[in-house]
Amino acid sequence: MQAVKTQSQTKRYAKCIEVSKRVRWDIDRDVIRGRSFDFAKKFLPDALSRMGHLDFLDAGERRLVSQIQGRTYANMFRLVERFIGAKILDQSREHSLGDQTAMEALVRLTDEELKHQELFRRLDAMMANDMPEGYQFVPDPNAVASVVLGKSTWAVLGLICHIEIFVVSHYRQSIDPDRELSALYKDVFLYHAREEAQHAILDELEWARENAKLSPVERDRAVDDLIELVGAVDGLLQIQAQADADYFLRICGRSFSTDEETAIRNAMLGAYRWQYIVSGVQDERFANLLGGLVDGAQAKRIGDALAPILQ
């Protein structure tokens, strides 16, 4: 039975390699193609920017918010792919004297994550050329990666799986259907999602493999680590939401009442919590994966920890 299971897993790794080769893209040839961002269009769709309820903002102001959030969206993936690449490279070593197909799949994933980091660095520089000065992406990718990678492998793989599942869902459910986005911005996440779709499958395989190694006590501690990681992510989102709200208020060209400023700040944080935490944990695919790895008491602990964020 174990041999059959191993063969099935190897086939899934092999399929990821096959698709990775087929969809592989180049930053300049396929994605940027000599283009610039169209600042007459939105970057993030309304379904992700989530500012539509602020009826005191006009269409141009909502578009500006989507562009600020869109810049942060790209930078946030540049940040997380720093620790994703490092962790998956570590995972590949566990296969180095075993399943060579799995090792190749994970090495390819790491190579693609390095390419994605380069892409998002370049995009931020391009956006900086056409946006007013003063934007700040506050978190330091290396510092964040050091904290994340200090947690248990089970928890880190869970966080990575969560991220790479919601990346694909965001594109398919929100970015792709929106016809009012900057063409270049939309293409960035088309190509990104094509590779991330394979990454999410590999994350599932590695998370399940790690889960099988753990004793109940070890898994219980790993759940605590995952809860701590989600809390740390929320802390970063609070800081970045504050910075982005400040930037918007400085450059939008008019003043707002105290209540309106508060509403903008709250909406920015709510949007970021939705983008980077809530949309992932509520994704059926991720929820089913997590539910299959934890017991009822552990699931309740996770749910209780998420409750303030989900409000």
C-alpha atoms as a PDB file:
ATOM      1  CA  MET A   1       0.000   0.000   0.000  1.00  0.00           C
ATOM      2  CA  GLN A   2       2.808   2.427   0.886  1.00  0.00           C
ATOM      3  CA  ALA A   3       4.543   1.647  -2.415  1.00  0.00           C
ATOM      4  CA  VAL A   4       1.350   2.455  -4.330  1.00  0.00           C
ATOM      5  CA  LYS A   5       0.961   5.718  -2.413  1.00  0.00           C
ATOM      6  CA  THR A   6       4.586   6.663  -3.109  1.00  0.00           C
ATOM      7  CA  GLN A   7       4.160   5.948  -6.822  1.00  0.00           C
ATOM      8  CA  SER A   8       1.039   8.113  -6.906  1.00  0.00           C
ATOM      9  CA  GLN A   9       2.857  10.977  -5.209  1.00  0.00           C
ATOM     10  CA  THR A  10       5.793  10.670  -7.612  1.00  0.00           C
ATOM     11  CA  LYS A  11       3.359  10.974 -10.509  1.00  0.00           C
ATOM     12  CA  ARG A  12       1.998  14.200  -9.030  1.00  0.00           C
ATOM     13  CA  TYR A  13       5.508  15.623  -8.691  1.00  0.00           C
ATOM     14  CA  ALA A  14       6.197  14.552 -12.282  1.00  0.00           C
ATOM     15  CA  LYS A  15       3.024  16.229 -13.524  1.00  0.00           C
ATOM     16  CA  CYS A  16       4.099  19.478 -11.867  1.00  0.00           C
ATOM     17  CA  ILE A  17       7.430  19.271 -13.699  1.00  0.00           C
ATOM     18  CA  GLU A  18       5.648  18.670 -17.001  1.00  0.00           C
ATOM     19  CA  VAL A  19       3.342  21.658 -16.545  1.00  0.00           C
ATOM     20  CA  SER A  20       6.169  23.844 -15.230  1.00  0.00           C
ATOM     21  CA  LYS A  21       8.112  23.258 -18.431  1.00  0.00           C
ATOM     22  CA  ARG A  22       5.067  23.985 -20.570  1.00  0.00           C
ATOM     23  CA  VAL A  23       4.036  27.266 -18.905  1.00  0.00           C
ATOM     24  CA  ARG A  24       7.503  28.642 -18.145  1.00  0.00           C
ATOM     25  CA  TRP A  25       7.823  32.331 -19.005  1.00  0.00           C
ATOM     26  CA  ASP A  26      10.419  35.068 -19.264  1.00  0.00           C
ATOM     27  CA  ILE A  27      10.018  38.431 -17.527  1.00  0.00           C
ATOM     28  CA  ASP A  28      10.871  40.619 -20.521  1.00  0.00           C
ATOM     29  CA  ARG A  29       9.800  38.444 -23.441  1.00  0.00           C
ATOM     30  CA  ASP A  30       6.434  37.328 -22.075  1.00  0.00           C
ATOM     31  CA  VAL A  31       5.331  39.603 -19.241  1.00  0.00           C
ATOM     32  CA  ILE A  32       6.627  43.168 -19.547  1.00  0.00           C
ATOM     33  CA  ARG A  33       7.154  43.221 -23.329  1.00  0.00           C
ATOM     34  CA  GLY A  34       8.366  46.830 -23.261  1.00  0.00           C
ATOM     35  CA  ARG A  35       5.139  48.100 -21.694  1.00  0.00           C
ATOM     36  CA  SER A  36       4.402  50.478 -18.825  1.00  0.00           C
ATOM     37  CA  PHE A  37       1.558  50.491 -16.326  1.00  0.00           C
ATOM     38  CA  ASP A  38      -1.612  52.299 -17.393  1.00  0.00           C
ATOM     39  CA  PHE A  39      -2.400  54.677 -14.533  1.00  0.00           C
ATOM     40  CA  ALA A  40      -5.741  55.538 -16.104  1.00  0.00           C
ATOM     41  CA  LYS A  41      -6.819  52.038 -15.057  1.00  0.00           C
ATOM     42  CA  LYS A  42      -7.103  50.202 -11.767  1.00  0.00           C
ATOM     43  CA  PHE A  43      -4.437  47.749 -10.663  1.00  0.00           C
ATOM     44  CA  LEU A  44      -6.326  45.609  -8.171  1.00  0.00           C
ATOM     45  CA  PRO A  45      -9.967  44.746  -8.863  1.00  0.00           C
ATOM     46  CA  ASP A  46     -12.711  46.034  -6.583  1.00  0.00           C
ATOM     47  CA  ALA A  47     -13.219  42.527  -5.209  1.00  0.00           C
ATOM     48  CA  LEU A  48      -9.739  42.717  -3.671  1.00  0.00           C
ATOM     49  CA  SER A  49      -9.334  46.438  -2.948  1.00  0.00           C
ATOM     50  CA  ARG A  50     -12.690  46.397  -1.093  1.00  0.00           C
ATOM     51  CA  MET A  51     -13.206  50.159  -0.885  1.00  0.00           C
ATOM     52  CA  GLY A  52     -16.555  50.323  -2.664  1.00  0.00           C
ATOM     53  CA  HIS A  53     -18.501  50.956   0.540  1.00  0.00           C
ATOM     54  CA  LEU A  54     -16.701  54.280   1.037  1.00  0.00           C
ATOM     55  CA  ASP A  55     -19.206  56.341  -0.928  1.00  0.00           C
ATOM     56  CA  PHE A  56     -17.377  59.605  -0.186  1.00  0.00           C
ATOM     57  CA  LEU A  57     -14.531  58.487  -2.482  1.00  0.00           C
ATOM     58  CA  ASP A  58     -14.957  59.297  -6.161  1.00  0.00           C
ATOM     59  CA  ALA A  59     -13.954  56.976  -9.003  1.00  0.00           C
ATOM     60  CA  GLY A  60     -10.503  58.519  -9.364  1.00  0.00           C
ATOM     61  CA  GLU A  61      -9.791  58.169  -5.659  1.00  0.00           C
ATOM     62  CA  ARG A  62     -10.870  54.532  -5.676  1.00  0.00           C
ATOM     63  CA  ARG A  63      -8.600  53.970  -8.656  1.00  0.00           C
ATOM     64  CA  LEU A  64      -5.696  55.542  -6.765  1.00  0.00           C
ATOM     65  CA  VAL A  65      -6.350  53.275  -3.786  1.00  0.00           C
ATOM     66  CA  SER A  66      -6.319  50.263  -6.102  1.00  0.00           C
ATOM     67  CA  GLN A  67      -2.951  51.369  -7.486  1.00  0.00           C
ATOM     68  CA  ILE A  68      -1.429  51.867  -4.035  1.00  0.00           C
ATOM     69  CA  GLN A  69      -2.776  48.522  -2.891  1.00  0.00           C
ATOM     70  CA  GLY A  70      -1.619  46.979  -6.156  1.00  0.00           C
ATOM     71  CA  ARG A  71       1.922  48.158  -5.535  1.00  0.00           C
ATOM     72  CA  THR A  72       1.810  46.675  -2.053  1.00  0.00           C
ATOM     73  CA  TYR A  73       0.282  43.467  -3.450  1.00  0.00           C
ATOM     74  CA  ALA A  74       3.317  43.013  -5.695  1.00  0.00           C
ATOM     75  CA  ASN A  75       5.707  43.872  -2.876  1.00  0.00           C
ATOM     76  CA  MET A  76       3.984  41.495  -0.493  1.00  0.00           C
ATOM     77  CA  PHE A  77       4.586  38.617  -2.883  1.00  0.00           C
ATOM     78  CA  ARG A  78       8.190  39.716  -3.272  1.00  0.00           C
ATOM     79  CA  LEU A  79       8.426  39.427   0.516  1.00  0.00           C
ATOM     80  CA  VAL A  80       6.761  36.045   0.994  1.00  0.00           C
ATOM     81  CA  GLU A  81       8.615  34.453  -1.893  1.00  0.00           C
ATOM     82  CA  ARG A  82      11.854  35.115  -0.028  1.00  0.00           C
ATOM     83  CA  PHE A  83      10.945  32.616   2.691  1.00  0.00           C
ATOM     84  CA  ILE A  84       9.001  30.335   0.351  1.00  0.00           C
ATOM     85  CA  GLY A  85      12.038  29.790  -1.850  1.00  0.00           C
ATOM     86  CA  ALA A  86      14.327  29.228   1.124  1.00  0.00           C
ATOM     87  CA  LYS A  87      11.976  26.728   2.763  1.00  0.00           C
ATOM     88  CA  ILE A  88      11.242  24.737  -0.368  1.00  0.00           C
ATOM     89  CA  LEU A  89      14.958  24.537  -1.115  1.00  0.00           C
ATOM     90  CA  ASP A  90      15.363  22.978   2.342  1.00  0.00           C
ATOM     91  CA  GLN A  91      12.560  20.539   1.547  1.00  0.00           C
ATOM     92  CA  SER A  92      14.228  19.511  -1.704  1.00  0.00           C
ATOM     93  CA  ARG A  93      17.282  18.303   0.216  1.00  0.00           C
ATOM     94  CA  GLU A  94      15.148  15.679   1.940  1.00  0.00           C
ATOM     95  CA  HIS A  95      14.628  14.085  -1.474  1.00  0.00           C
ATOM     96  CA  SER A  96      18.252  14.408  -2.614  1.00  0.00           C
ATOM     97  CA  LEU A  97      19.088  10.731  -2.025  1.00  0.00           C
ATOM     98  CA  GLY A  98      15.566   9.508  -2.640  1.00  0.00           C
ATOM     99  CA  ASP A  99      12.813  10.589  -5.017  1.00  0.00           C
ATOM    100  CA  GLN A 100      14.676  12.498  -7.718  1.00  0.00           C
ATOM    101  CA  THR A 101      11.430  13.504  -9.402  1.00  0.00           C
ATOM    102  CA  ALA A 102      10.263  15.219  -6.224  1.00  0.00           C
ATOM    103  CA  MET A 103      13.644  16.887  -5.866  1.00  0.00           C
ATOM    104  CA  GLU A 104      13.514  18.238  -9.417  1.00  0.00           C
ATOM    105  CA  ALA A 105       9.987  19.564  -8.915  1.00  0.00           C
ATOM    106  CA  LEU A 106      10.983  21.431  -5.762  1.00  0.00           C
ATOM    107  CA  VAL A 107      14.180  22.809  -7.276  1.00  0.00           C
ATOM    108  CA  ARG A 108      12.142  24.110 -10.210  1.00  0.00           C
ATOM    109  CA  LEU A 109       9.733  25.728  -7.748  1.00  0.00           C
ATOM    110  CA  THR A 110      12.650  27.448  -6.004  1.00  0.00           C
ATOM    111  CA  ASP A 111      14.017  28.713  -9.313  1.00  0.00           C
ATOM    112  CA  GLU A 112      10.605  30.110 -10.230  1.00  0.00           C
ATOM    113  CA  GLU A 113      10.280  31.856  -6.874  1.00  0.00           C
ATOM    114  CA  LEU A 114      13.627  33.562  -7.458  1.00  0.00           C
ATOM    115  CA  LYS A 115      12.341  34.737 -10.832  1.00  0.00           C
ATOM    116  CA  HIS A 116       9.144  36.024  -9.213  1.00  0.00           C
ATOM    117  CA  GLN A 117      11.161  38.035  -6.695  1.00  0.00           C
ATOM    118  CA  GLU A 118      13.088  39.649  -9.545  1.00  0.00           C
ATOM    119  CA  LEU A 119       9.835  40.400 -11.367  1.00  0.00           C
ATOM    120  CA  PHE A 120       8.278  42.110  -8.363  1.00  0.00           C
ATOM    121  CA  ARG A 121      11.436  44.120  -7.636  1.00  0.00           C
ATOM    122  CA  ARG A 122      11.349  45.422 -11.190  1.00  0.00           C
ATOM    123  CA  LEU A 123       7.646  46.194 -11.031  1.00  0.00           C
ATOM    124  CA  ASP A 124       8.073  48.271  -7.888  1.00  0.00           C
ATOM    125  CA  ALA A 125      10.799  50.306  -9.595  1.00  0.00           C
ATOM    126  CA  MET A 126       8.533  50.819 -12.616  1.00  0.00           C
ATOM    127  CA  MET A 127       5.641  51.966 -10.438  1.00  0.00           C
ATOM    128  CA  ALA A 128       7.930  54.314  -8.516  1.00  0.00           C
ATOM    129  CA  ASN A 129       8.698  56.156 -11.755  1.00  0.00           C
ATOM    130  CA  ASP A 130       5.037  57.132 -12.207  1.00  0.00           C
ATOM    131  CA  MET A 131       3.704  57.448  -8.659  1.00  0.00           C
ATOM    132  CA  PRO A 132       4.303  60.401  -6.319  1.00  0.00           C
ATOM    133  CA  GLU A 133       7.194  60.073  -3.895  1.00  0.00           C
ATOM    134  CA  GLY A 134       6.503  58.876  -0.379  1.00  0.00           C
ATOM    135  CA  TYR A 135       5.326  55.298  -0.827  1.00  0.00           C
ATOM    136  CA  GLN A 136       6.950  52.905   1.641  1.00  0.00           C
ATOM    137  CA  PHE A 137       6.867  49.148   1.806  1.00  0.00           C
ATOM    138  CA  VAL A 138       7.689  48.765   5.467  1.00  0.00           C
ATOM    139  CA  PRO A 139       8.495  45.075   6.143  1.00  0.00           C
ATOM    140  CA  ASP A 140      12.033  43.865   5.481  1.00  0.00           C
ATOM    141  CA  PRO A 141      11.909  40.576   3.516  1.00  0.00           C
ATOM    142  CA  ASN A 142      14.999  39.080   5.150  1.00  0.00           C
ATOM    143  CA  ALA A 143      13.881  39.960   8.671  1.00  0.00           C
ATOM    144  CA  VAL A 144      10.433  38.499   8.039  1.00  0.00           C
ATOM    145  CA  ALA A 145      11.922  35.369   6.486  1.00  0.00           C
ATOM    146  CA  SER A 146      14.158  34.850   9.512  1.00  0.00           C
ATOM    147  CA  VAL A 147      11.163  34.916  11.841  1.00  0.00           C
ATOM    148  CA  VAL A 148       9.036  32.646   9.651  1.00  0.00           C
ATOM    149  CA  LEU A 149      11.784  30.087   9.077  1.00  0.00           C
ATOM    150  CA  GLY A 150      12.349  29.859  12.822  1.00  0.00           C
ATOM    151  CA  LYS A 151       8.996  28.117  13.214  1.00  0.00           C
ATOM    152  CA  SER A 152       8.267  24.417  12.752  1.00  0.00           C
ATOM    153  CA  THR A 153       8.327  23.026   9.223  1.00  0.00           C
ATOM    154  CA  TRP A 154       4.673  21.959   9.491  1.00  0.00           C
ATOM    155  CA  ALA A 155       3.590  25.509  10.324  1.00  0.00           C
ATOM    156  CA  VAL A 156       5.755  27.125   7.650  1.00  0.00           C
ATOM    157  CA  LEU A 157       4.491  24.744   4.973  1.00  0.00           C
ATOM    158  CA  GLY A 158       0.938  25.433   6.106  1.00  0.00           C
ATOM    159  CA  LEU A 159       1.470  29.176   5.712  1.00  0.00           C
ATOM    160  CA  ILE A 160       3.111  28.692   2.310  1.00  0.00           C
ATOM    161  CA  CYS A 161       0.292  26.446   1.116  1.00  0.00           C
ATOM    162  CA  HIS A 162      -2.266  29.009   2.272  1.00  0.00           C
ATOM    163  CA  ILE A 163      -0.499  31.782   0.341  1.00  0.00           C
ATOM    164  CA  GLU A 164      -0.038  29.901  -2.900  1.00  0.00           C
ATOM    165  CA  ILE A 165      -3.617  28.668  -2.925  1.00  0.00           C
ATOM    166  CA  PHE A 166      -5.052  32.160  -2.476  1.00  0.00           C
ATOM    167  CA  VAL A 167      -2.730  33.567  -5.163  1.00  0.00           C
ATOM    168  CA  VAL A 168      -4.379  31.308  -7.715  1.00  0.00           C
ATOM    169  CA  SER A 169      -7.876  31.968  -6.365  1.00  0.00           C
ATOM    170  CA  HIS A 170      -7.368  35.735  -6.466  1.00  0.00           C
ATOM    171  CA  TYR A 171      -6.393  35.599 -10.108  1.00  0.00           C
ATOM    172  CA  ARG A 172      -9.151  33.251 -11.222  1.00  0.00           C
ATOM    173  CA  GLN A 173     -11.982  34.749  -9.192  1.00  0.00           C
ATOM    174  CA  SER A 174     -11.149  38.469  -9.125  1.00  0.00           C
ATOM    175  CA  ILE A 175      -8.308  39.621 -11.388  1.00  0.00           C
ATOM    176  CA  ASP A 176      -9.059  37.669 -14.560  1.00  0.00           C
ATOM    177  CA  PRO A 177     -12.775  38.613 -14.810  1.00  0.00           C
ATOM    178  CA  ASP A 178     -12.137  42.362 -14.344  1.00  0.00           C
ATOM    179  CA  ARG A 179     -11.848  44.118 -17.713  1.00  0.00           C
ATOM    180  CA  GLU A 180     -10.966  47.516 -16.198  1.00  0.00           C
ATOM    181  CA  LEU A 181      -7.447  46.741 -14.982  1.00  0.00           C
ATOM    182  CA  SER A 182      -4.110  47.923 -16.345  1.00  0.00           C
ATOM    183  CA  ALA A 183      -3.192  45.379 -19.019  1.00  0.00           C
ATOM    184  CA  LEU A 184       0.369  44.968 -17.780  1.00  0.00           C
ATOM    185  CA  TYR A 185      -0.705  44.559 -14.170  1.00  0.00           C
ATOM    186  CA  LYS A 186      -3.246  41.940 -15.161  1.00  0.00           C
ATOM    187  CA  ASP A 187      -0.707  40.026 -17.248  1.00  0.00           C
ATOM    188  CA  VAL A 188       1.759  39.967 -14.349  1.00  0.00           C
ATOM    189  CA  PHE A 189      -0.667  37.966 -12.271  1.00  0.00           C
ATOM    190  CA  LEU A 190      -1.767  35.797 -15.175  1.00  0.00           C
ATOM    191  CA  TYR A 191       1.786  34.538 -15.611  1.00  0.00           C
ATOM    192  CA  HIS A 192       2.393  34.445 -11.871  1.00  0.00           C
ATOM    193  CA  ALA A 193      -0.693  32.287 -11.313  1.00  0.00           C
ATOM    194  CA  ARG A 194       0.313  29.865 -14.060  1.00  0.00           C
ATOM    195  CA  GLU A 195       3.404  28.878 -12.099  1.00  0.00           C
ATOM    196  CA  GLU A 196       1.861  29.253  -8.656  1.00  0.00           C
ATOM    197  CA  ALA A 197      -0.794  26.692  -9.573  1.00  0.00           C
ATOM    198  CA  GLN A 198       1.925  24.020  -9.660  1.00  0.00           C
ATOM    199  CA  HIS A 199       3.520  25.382  -6.505  1.00  0.00           C
ATOM    200  CA  ALA A 200       0.283  24.956  -4.571  1.00  0.00           C
ATOM    201  CA  ILE A 201       0.150  21.270  -5.527  1.00  0.00           C
ATOM    202  CA  LEU A 202       3.738  20.759  -4.407  1.00  0.00           C
ATOM    203  CA  ASP A 203       2.993  22.579  -1.152  1.00  0.00           C
ATOM    204  CA  GLU A 204       0.125  20.175  -0.483  1.00  0.00           C
ATOM    205  CA  LEU A 205       2.362  17.171  -1.075  1.00  0.00           C
ATOM    206  CA  GLU A 206       5.137  18.463   1.167  1.00  0.00           C
ATOM    207  CA  TRP A 207       2.771  19.561   3.935  1.00  0.00           C
ATOM    208  CA  ALA A 208       1.118  16.133   3.997  1.00  0.00           C
ATOM    209  CA  ARG A 209       4.526  14.442   3.972  1.00  0.00           C
ATOM    210  CA  GLU A 210       5.664  16.528   6.930  1.00  0.00           C
ATOM    211  CA  ASN A 211       2.402  15.923   8.762  1.00  0.00           C
ATOM    212  CA  ALA A 212       2.914  12.161   8.544  1.00  0.00           C
ATOM    213  CA  LYS A 213       6.190  12.475  10.468  1.00  0.00           C
ATOM    214  CA  LEU A 214       4.740  14.203  13.521  1.00  0.00           C
ATOM    215  CA  SER A 215       3.543  12.772  16.789  1.00  0.00           C
ATOM    216  CA  PRO A 216       0.305  14.216  18.229  1.00  0.00           C
ATOM    217  CA  VAL A 217       2.325  16.331  20.665  1.00  0.00           C
ATOM    218  CA  GLU A 218       4.572  17.668  17.899  1.00  0.00           C
ATOM    219  CA  ARG A 219       1.565  18.478  15.729  1.00  0.00           C
ATOM    220  CA  ASP A 220      -0.064  20.306  18.613  1.00  0.00           C
ATOM    221  CA  ARG A 221       3.016  22.494  19.020  1.00  0.00           C
ATOM    222  CA  ALA A 222       3.083  23.056  15.263  1.00  0.00           C
ATOM    223  CA  VAL A 223      -0.501  24.327  15.382  1.00  0.00           C
ATOM    224  CA  ASP A 224       0.627  26.888  17.951  1.00  0.00           C
ATOM    225  CA  ASP A 225       3.396  27.929  15.568  1.00  0.00           C
ATOM    226  CA  LEU A 226       0.914  28.367  12.723  1.00  0.00           C
ATOM    227  CA  ILE A 227      -1.297  30.526  14.929  1.00  0.00           C
ATOM    228  CA  GLU A 228       1.730  32.646  15.838  1.00  0.00           C
ATOM    229  CA  LEU A 229       2.650  33.034  12.171  1.00  0.00           C
ATOM    230  CA  VAL A 230      -0.838  34.218  11.268  1.00  0.00           C
ATOM    231  CA  GLY A 231      -0.657  36.710  14.122  1.00  0.00           C
ATOM    232  CA  ALA A 232       2.699  37.943  12.843  1.00  0.00           C
ATOM    233  CA  VAL A 233       1.267  38.357   9.341  1.00  0.00           C
ATOM    234  CA  ASP A 234      -1.600  40.386  10.772  1.00  0.00           C
ATOM    235  CA  GLY A 235       0.881  42.595  12.596  1.00  0.00           C
ATOM    236  CA  LEU A 236       2.672  43.311   9.311  1.00  0.00           C
ATOM    237  CA  LEU A 237      -0.631  44.073   7.614  1.00  0.00           C
ATOM    238  CA  GLN A 238      -1.556  46.591  10.293  1.00  0.00           C
ATOM    239  CA  ILE A 239       1.745  48.417   9.785  1.00  0.00           C
ATOM    240  CA  GLN A 240       1.526  48.415   5.982  1.00  0.00           C
ATOM    241  CA  ALA A 241      -2.143  49.402   5.948  1.00  0.00           C
ATOM    242  CA  GLN A 242      -1.274  52.408   8.101  1.00  0.00           C
ATOM    243  CA  ALA A 243       1.587  53.376   5.777  1.00  0.00           C
ATOM    244  CA  ASP A 244      -0.557  53.017   2.657  1.00  0.00           C
ATOM    245  CA  ALA A 245      -3.453  54.975   4.146  1.00  0.00           C
ATOM    246  CA  ASP A 246      -1.028  57.747   5.115  1.00  0.00           C
ATOM    247  CA  TYR A 247       0.363  57.780   1.575  1.00  0.00           C
ATOM    248  CA  PHE A 248      -3.094  57.964   0.012  1.00  0.00           C
ATOM    249  CA  LEU A 249      -4.142  60.815   2.296  1.00  0.00           C
ATOM    250  CA  ARG A 250      -0.993  62.770   1.393  1.00  0.00           C
ATOM    251  CA  ILE A 251      -1.247  62.419  -2.386  1.00  0.00           C
ATOM    252  CA  CYS A 252      -4.973  62.231  -3.159  1.00  0.00           C
ATOM    253  CA  GLY A 253      -5.301  65.996  -3.565  1.00  0.00           C
ATOM    254  CA  ARG A 254      -7.957  66.859  -1.011  1.00  0.00           C
ATOM    255  CA  SER A 255      -8.667  66.651   2.695  1.00  0.00           C
ATOM    256  CA  PHE A 256     -11.118  64.417   4.536  1.00  0.00           C
ATOM    257  CA  SER A 257     -12.978  64.687   7.802  1.00  0.00           C
ATOM    258  CA  THR A 258     -11.662  62.825  10.832  1.00  0.00           C
ATOM    259  CA  ASP A 259     -14.408  60.223  10.458  1.00  0.00           C
ATOM    260  CA  GLU A 260     -13.614  59.761   6.774  1.00  0.00           C
ATOM    261  CA  GLU A 261      -9.908  59.340   7.481  1.00  0.00           C
ATOM    262  CA  THR A 262     -10.729  56.716  10.095  1.00  0.00           C
ATOM    263  CA  ALA A 263     -12.978  54.916   7.617  1.00  0.00           C
ATOM    264  CA  ILE A 264     -10.198  54.914   5.002  1.00  0.00           C
ATOM    265  CA  ARG A 265      -7.703  53.474   7.485  1.00  0.00           C
ATOM    266  CA  ASN A 266     -10.140  50.802   8.651  1.00  0.00           C
ATOM    267  CA  ALA A 267     -11.039  49.878   5.079  1.00  0.00           C
ATOM    268  CA  MET A 268      -7.376  49.580   4.104  1.00  0.00           C
ATOM    269  CA  LEU A 269      -6.680  47.197   6.972  1.00  0.00           C
ATOM    270  CA  GLY A 270      -9.850  45.250   6.246  1.00  0.00           C
ATOM    271  CA  ALA A 271      -8.823  44.892   2.606  1.00  0.00           C
ATOM    272  CA  TYR A 272      -5.352  43.645   3.544  1.00  0.00           C
ATOM    273  CA  ARG A 273      -6.713  41.168   6.045  1.00  0.00           C
ATOM    274  CA  TRP A 274      -9.056  39.892   3.347  1.00  0.00           C
ATOM    275  CA  GLN A 275      -6.334  39.676   0.709  1.00  0.00           C
ATOM    276  CA  TYR A 276      -3.631  37.970   2.761  1.00  0.00           C
ATOM    277  CA  ILE A 277      -5.456  36.020   5.480  1.00  0.00           C
ATOM    278  CA  VAL A 278      -9.238  35.698   5.237  1.00  0.00           C
ATOM    279  CA  SER A 279      -9.570  34.851   1.542  1.00  0.00           C
ATOM    280  CA  GLY A 280      -7.077  32.034   2.045  1.00  0.00           C
ATOM    281  CA  VAL A 281      -8.454  30.478   5.212  1.00  0.00           C
ATOM    282  CA  GLN A 282     -11.969  30.595   3.772  1.00  0.00           C
ATOM    283  CA  ASP A 283     -10.882  28.997   0.505  1.00  0.00           C
ATOM    284  CA  GLU A 284     -12.530  25.573   0.344  1.00  0.00           C
ATOM    285  CA  ARG A 285      -9.399  23.868  -0.923  1.00  0.00           C
ATOM    286  CA  PHE A 286      -7.242  25.165   1.922  1.00  0.00           C
ATOM    287  CA  ALA A 287      -9.938  24.616   4.540  1.00  0.00           C
ATOM    288  CA  ASN A 288     -10.260  20.980   3.492  1.00  0.00           C
ATOM    289  CA  LEU A 289      -6.499  20.479   3.558  1.00  0.00           C
ATOM    290  CA  LEU A 290      -6.108  21.970   7.009  1.00  0.00           C
ATOM    291  CA  GLY A 291      -9.167  20.144   8.302  1.00  0.00           C
ATOM    292  CA  GLY A 292      -7.641  16.848   7.229  1.00  0.00           C
ATOM    293  CA  LEU A 293      -4.455  17.484   9.202  1.00  0.00           C
ATOM    294  CA  VAL A 294      -5.743  18.735  12.566  1.00  0.00           C
ATOM    295  CA  ASP A 295      -8.176  17.402  15.134  1.00  0.00           C
ATOM    296  CA  GLY A 296     -11.283  19.158  16.409  1.00  0.00           C
ATOM    297  CA  ALA A 297      -9.603  20.832  19.366  1.00  0.00           C
ATOM    298  CA  GLN A 298      -6.772  22.135  17.201  1.00  0.00           C
ATOM    299  CA  ALA A 299      -9.222  23.410  14.598  1.00  0.00           C
ATOM    300  CA  LYS A 300     -11.080  25.277  17.348  1.00  0.00           C
ATOM    301  CA  ARG A 301      -7.856  26.898  18.564  1.00  0.00           C
ATOM    302  CA  ILE A 302      -7.117  28.081  15.053  1.00  0.00           C
ATOM    303  CA  GLY A 303     -10.668  29.357  14.626  1.00  0.00           C
ATOM    304  CA  ASP A 304     -10.571  31.219  17.939  1.00  0.00           C
ATOM    305  CA  ALA A 305      -7.274  32.862  16.966  1.00  0.00           C
ATOM    306  CA  LEU A 306      -8.712  33.948  13.619  1.00  0.00           C
ATOM    307  CA  ALA A 307     -11.983  35.274  15.037  1.00  0.00           C
ATOM    308  CA  PRO A 308     -10.807  38.876  15.655  1.00  0.00           C
ATOM    309  CA  ILE A 309      -9.396  39.047  12.119  1.00  0.00           C
ATOM    310  CA  LEU A 310     -12.536  37.630  10.517  1.00  0.00           C
ATOM    311  CA  GLN A 311     -14.829  40.216  12.116  1.00  0.00           C
END
